């Protein structure tokens, strides 16, 4: 930093273009804030570590949750776990861009996630959706909104309206996703196995967050939408049976 404005002048055509010509990393952005990556890729150390963690998780769930044959019956819950962890990551990053990377901001985000889960559980205990498959349509719509509204568009707002706008954009898909999960989970015949499948998916989703090193954080929402689409096609029969009951 400098008190002399001229000292802070950094013309793109004379700096970044020359640097890229020499093979330097691409400039960091809010969506891809990784200046230490020479090219968009996942380092092999991350891949091996992720594989080891996933293998350990699968073994642990197998010992506690039962056979994988039982887990396969809840493949849609596994896909939901994959999607939810990436959706949570996108929420954390979005709030960090809007309000700063602080312990308070992270605490507010995780508190919001937990409250979304709690409210969804409370609603599902009292309300039975006659057509729960429609929740997926609302979930997809909320993901589209979150994708087309970049965090930079909210920075011009005052801190209070910015906070409420960020909450709506980030937590609407999280809340609807929890409604989908609770509607599916509440009538499962083997809750331990079903929850084990969801935990495996959550672990995989947490590790798949490293895709952001390639895609950027915004495009994680596309992966989230694909995972929920898989969950819909794998679990729609179970949702319809739940609604009929």
Protein backbone atom coordinates (compact mmCIF):
# COMPACT_ATOMS: atom_id res chain seq x y z
CA UNK A 1 0.00 0.00 0.00
CA UNK A 2 1.09 3.57 -0.58
CA UNK A 3 -0.21 7.11 -0.13
CA UNK A 4 0.90 7.78 -3.70
CA UNK A 5 -1.87 6.65 -6.08
CA UNK A 6 0.62 6.35 -8.93
CA UNK A 7 2.56 3.74 -6.99
CA UNK A 8 -0.53 1.52 -6.92
CA UNK A 9 -1.13 1.68 -10.66
CA UNK A 10 -0.95 -1.81 -12.15
CA UNK A 11 -2.03 -1.75 -15.81
CA UNK A 12 -3.29 -5.15 -16.88
CA UNK A 13 -1.83 -4.94 -20.37
CA UNK A 14 1.68 -4.30 -19.08
CA UNK A 15 1.74 -6.67 -16.11
CA UNK A 16 -0.60 -9.62 -16.33
CA UNK A 17 -0.22 -10.19 -20.05
CA UNK A 18 3.56 -10.31 -19.77
CA UNK A 19 3.37 -12.54 -16.71
CA UNK A 20 1.06 -15.03 -18.44
CA UNK A 21 3.38 -15.07 -21.41
CA UNK A 22 6.11 -16.29 -19.08
CA UNK A 23 3.92 -19.12 -17.80
CA UNK A 24 2.92 -17.56 -14.48
CA UNK A 25 -0.30 -18.69 -12.72
CA UNK A 26 -3.53 -17.01 -13.79
CA UNK A 27 -4.62 -14.04 -11.65
CA UNK A 28 -6.61 -15.03 -8.55
CA UNK A 29 -10.31 -14.19 -8.52
CA UNK A 30 -13.09 -14.45 -5.97
CA UNK A 31 -14.33 -17.59 -7.73
CA UNK A 32 -10.88 -19.16 -8.07
CA UNK A 33 -8.69 -17.69 -5.28
CA UNK A 34 -5.69 -19.99 -5.74
CA UNK A 35 -2.65 -17.95 -6.79
CA UNK A 36 -0.32 -20.80 -5.85
CA UNK A 37 -1.70 -23.07 -8.60
CA UNK A 38 0.27 -22.81 -11.83
CA UNK A 39 -2.61 -24.50 -13.67
CA UNK A 40 -6.09 -25.64 -12.71
CA UNK A 41 -5.54 -29.09 -11.24
CA UNK A 42 -5.77 -31.08 -8.02
CA UNK A 43 -2.32 -31.88 -6.58
CA UNK A 44 -1.57 -35.58 -6.30
CA UNK A 45 -0.98 -35.24 -2.55
CA UNK A 46 -4.59 -34.08 -2.15
CA UNK A 47 -5.86 -36.96 -4.28
CA UNK A 48 -4.00 -39.64 -2.32
CA UNK A 49 -5.03 -38.11 1.02
CA UNK A 50 -8.67 -37.88 -0.09
CA UNK A 51 -8.63 -41.51 -1.26
CA UNK A 52 -7.23 -42.66 2.09
CA UNK A 53 -9.84 -40.68 4.05
CA UNK A 54 -12.69 -41.98 1.89
CA UNK A 55 -11.47 -45.58 2.24
CA UNK A 56 -11.30 -45.21 6.02
CA UNK A 57 -14.82 -43.75 6.09
CA UNK A 58 -16.24 -46.60 4.01
CA UNK A 59 -14.67 -49.20 6.30
CA UNK A 60 -15.93 -47.40 9.42
CA UNK A 61 -19.48 -47.15 8.09
CA UNK A 62 -19.35 -50.81 7.04
CA UNK A 63 -18.42 -51.86 10.59
CA UNK A 64 -21.17 -49.77 12.21
CA UNK A 65 -23.88 -49.37 9.59
CA UNK A 66 -24.12 -52.84 8.15
CA UNK A 67 -23.51 -54.49 4.79
CA UNK A 68 -23.08 -52.51 1.61
CA UNK A 69 -26.02 -54.39 0.18
CA UNK A 70 -28.20 -52.55 2.65
CA UNK A 71 -26.49 -49.24 1.95
CA UNK A 72 -27.20 -49.59 -1.78
CA UNK A 73 -30.93 -49.37 -1.04
CA UNK A 74 -30.32 -45.81 0.10
CA UNK A 75 -28.14 -44.67 -2.78
CA UNK A 76 -30.28 -41.54 -3.11
CA UNK A 77 -29.37 -40.55 0.46
CA UNK A 78 -25.72 -41.08 -0.43
CA UNK A 79 -26.10 -38.70 -3.38
CA UNK A 80 -27.80 -36.17 -1.08
CA UNK A 81 -24.81 -36.33 1.25
CA UNK A 82 -22.45 -35.63 -1.64
CA UNK A 83 -24.46 -32.61 -2.72
CA UNK A 84 -25.06 -31.17 0.73
CA UNK A 85 -21.42 -30.91 1.77
CA UNK A 86 -20.50 -29.08 -1.43
CA UNK A 87 -23.51 -26.80 -0.98
CA UNK A 88 -22.37 -26.02 2.55
CA UNK A 89 -18.87 -25.21 1.27
CA UNK A 90 -20.30 -22.81 -1.30
CA UNK A 91 -22.22 -21.06 1.48
CA UNK A 92 -19.11 -20.64 3.63
CA UNK A 93 -17.10 -19.23 0.74
CA UNK A 94 -19.91 -16.88 -0.30
CA UNK A 95 -20.24 -15.40 3.17
CA UNK A 96 -16.47 -15.06 3.47
CA UNK A 97 -16.41 -12.99 0.27
CA UNK A 98 -19.22 -10.76 1.48
CA UNK A 99 -18.26 -10.30 5.13
CA UNK A 100 -14.66 -11.45 5.50
CA UNK A 101 -12.98 -14.68 6.52
CA UNK A 102 -13.38 -14.52 10.28
CA UNK A 103 -14.35 -16.97 13.00
CA UNK A 104 -17.56 -14.98 13.54
CA UNK A 105 -18.59 -15.25 9.89
CA UNK A 106 -17.85 -18.99 9.82
CA UNK A 107 -19.75 -19.48 13.08
CA UNK A 108 -22.79 -17.63 11.67
CA UNK A 109 -22.74 -19.77 8.54
CA UNK A 110 -22.58 -23.06 10.41
CA UNK A 111 -25.21 -21.85 12.85
CA UNK A 112 -27.42 -21.05 9.87
CA UNK A 113 -26.85 -24.52 8.44
CA UNK A 114 -27.74 -26.19 11.74
CA UNK A 115 -30.82 -24.01 12.15
CA UNK A 116 -31.91 -24.92 8.62
CA UNK A 117 -31.61 -28.59 9.53
CA UNK A 118 -33.53 -28.09 12.77
CA UNK A 119 -36.37 -26.16 11.12
CA UNK A 120 -36.64 -28.71 8.31
CA UNK A 121 -36.86 -31.55 10.84
CA UNK A 122 -39.50 -29.70 12.85
CA UNK A 123 -41.58 -29.05 9.73
CA UNK A 124 -41.31 -32.64 8.53
CA UNK A 125 -42.53 -33.92 11.91
CA UNK A 126 -45.74 -31.93 11.48
CA UNK A 127 -46.21 -31.68 7.73
CA UNK A 128 -46.34 -34.44 5.15
CA UNK A 129 -45.95 -33.21 1.59
CA UNK A 130 -48.41 -34.92 -0.73
CA UNK A 131 -46.05 -34.47 -3.66
CA UNK A 132 -42.55 -34.43 -2.17
CA UNK A 133 -41.01 -34.78 -5.61
CA UNK A 134 -41.97 -31.15 -6.22
CA UNK A 135 -39.47 -30.17 -3.57
CA UNK A 136 -36.78 -31.08 -6.07
CA UNK A 137 -38.18 -28.50 -8.50
CA UNK A 138 -37.97 -25.80 -5.83
CA UNK A 139 -34.48 -26.99 -4.95
CA UNK A 140 -33.35 -26.73 -8.56
CA UNK A 141 -34.84 -23.23 -8.85
CA UNK A 142 -33.00 -22.09 -5.71
CA UNK A 143 -29.73 -23.50 -7.08
CA UNK A 144 -30.24 -21.58 -10.32
CA UNK A 145 -30.77 -18.37 -8.37
CA UNK A 146 -27.63 -19.00 -6.30
CA UNK A 147 -25.69 -19.60 -9.51
CA UNK A 148 -26.84 -16.53 -11.44
CA UNK A 149 -26.39 -14.12 -8.50
CA UNK A 150 -22.64 -13.69 -8.00
CA UNK A 151 -21.51 -12.40 -4.58
CA UNK A 152 -20.02 -9.29 -6.21
CA UNK A 153 -23.55 -8.09 -7.07
CA UNK A 154 -24.38 -7.92 -3.35
CA UNK A 155 -21.33 -5.90 -2.29
CA UNK A 156 -22.93 -2.56 -3.15
CA UNK A 157 -25.66 -3.19 -0.58
CA UNK A 158 -25.42 -1.89 2.98
CA UNK A 159 -24.26 -4.53 5.43
CA UNK A 160 -27.76 -5.30 6.81
CA UNK A 161 -29.59 -5.81 3.49
CA UNK A 162 -26.47 -7.54 2.17
CA UNK A 163 -26.69 -10.01 5.06
CA UNK A 164 -30.36 -10.79 4.46
CA UNK A 165 -29.83 -11.12 0.70
CA UNK A 166 -26.90 -13.48 1.31
CA UNK A 167 -29.01 -15.54 3.73
CA UNK A 168 -31.80 -15.93 1.16
CA UNK A 169 -29.45 -16.86 -1.67
CA UNK A 170 -27.24 -19.23 0.35
CA UNK A 171 -29.68 -20.85 2.76
CA UNK A 172 -32.79 -21.33 0.63
CA UNK A 173 -31.27 -24.32 -1.23
CA UNK A 174 -29.84 -25.65 2.05
CA UNK A 175 -33.26 -25.47 3.73
CA UNK A 176 -35.09 -27.11 0.81
CA UNK A 177 -32.39 -29.78 0.59
CA UNK A 178 -33.01 -30.59 4.25
CA UNK A 179 -36.75 -30.84 3.62
CA UNK A 180 -36.05 -33.33 0.83
CA UNK A 181 -33.76 -35.33 3.10
CA UNK A 182 -36.11 -35.42 6.09
CA UNK A 183 -39.10 -36.42 3.95
CA UNK A 184 -37.07 -39.32 2.58
CA UNK A 185 -35.38 -40.31 5.81
CA UNK A 186 -38.25 -40.25 8.28
CA UNK A 187 -39.94 -43.44 7.02
CA UNK A 188 -36.85 -45.52 6.35
CA UNK A 189 -37.04 -49.02 7.74
CA UNK A 190 -33.34 -49.17 8.62
CA UNK A 191 -32.39 -45.73 9.87
CA UNK A 192 -28.83 -46.69 10.88
CA UNK A 193 -28.03 -48.05 7.43
CA UNK A 194 -29.71 -45.09 5.74
CA UNK A 195 -27.76 -42.62 7.83
CA UNK A 196 -24.57 -44.55 7.11
CA UNK A 197 -25.18 -44.16 3.39
CA UNK A 198 -25.72 -40.44 3.87
CA UNK A 199 -22.49 -40.17 5.89
CA UNK A 200 -20.49 -41.91 3.14
CA UNK A 201 -21.94 -39.44 0.66
CA UNK A 202 -21.15 -36.51 2.95
CA UNK A 203 -17.55 -37.67 3.26
CA UNK A 204 -17.28 -38.01 -0.51
CA UNK A 205 -18.87 -34.59 -1.00
CA UNK A 206 -16.46 -33.03 1.45
CA UNK A 207 -13.55 -34.45 -0.51
CA UNK A 208 -15.07 -33.41 -3.82
CA UNK A 209 -14.85 -29.81 -2.66
CA UNK A 210 -11.34 -29.94 -4.09
CA UNK A 211 -12.97 -29.82 -7.53
CA UNK A 212 -13.11 -26.07 -6.91
CA UNK A 213 -9.36 -26.04 -7.66
CA UNK A 214 -10.37 -26.85 -11.23
CA UNK A 215 -13.89 -25.50 -11.65
CA UNK A 216 -13.95 -22.58 -9.23
CA UNK A 217 -16.48 -22.33 -6.41
CA UNK A 218 -19.42 -21.11 -8.47
CA UNK A 219 -19.42 -24.16 -10.74
CA UNK A 220 -19.64 -26.43 -7.70
CA UNK A 221 -23.36 -25.61 -7.85
CA UNK A 222 -23.54 -27.47 -11.16
CA UNK A 223 -22.05 -30.55 -9.50
CA UNK A 224 -24.54 -30.08 -6.63
CA UNK A 225 -27.45 -29.94 -9.09
CA UNK A 226 -26.23 -33.12 -10.82
CA UNK A 227 -25.94 -34.94 -7.48
CA UNK A 228 -29.48 -33.96 -6.48
CA UNK A 229 -30.74 -35.02 -9.91
CA UNK A 230 -29.15 -38.44 -9.31
CA UNK A 231 -30.79 -38.54 -5.86
CA UNK A 232 -34.16 -37.73 -7.42
CA UNK A 233 -34.02 -40.51 -10.01
CA UNK A 234 -32.74 -43.05 -7.49
CA UNK A 235 -35.22 -42.16 -4.75
CA UNK A 236 -38.40 -40.96 -6.44
CA UNK A 237 -40.18 -44.30 -5.93
CA UNK A 238 -39.43 -44.17 -2.20
CA UNK A 239 -40.67 -40.57 -2.00
CA UNK A 240 -43.91 -41.48 -3.75
CA UNK A 241 -44.47 -44.38 -1.34
CA UNK A 242 -43.85 -42.01 1.57
CA UNK A 243 -46.41 -39.57 0.18
CA UNK A 244 -48.98 -42.35 -0.37
CA UNK A 245 -48.53 -43.54 3.20
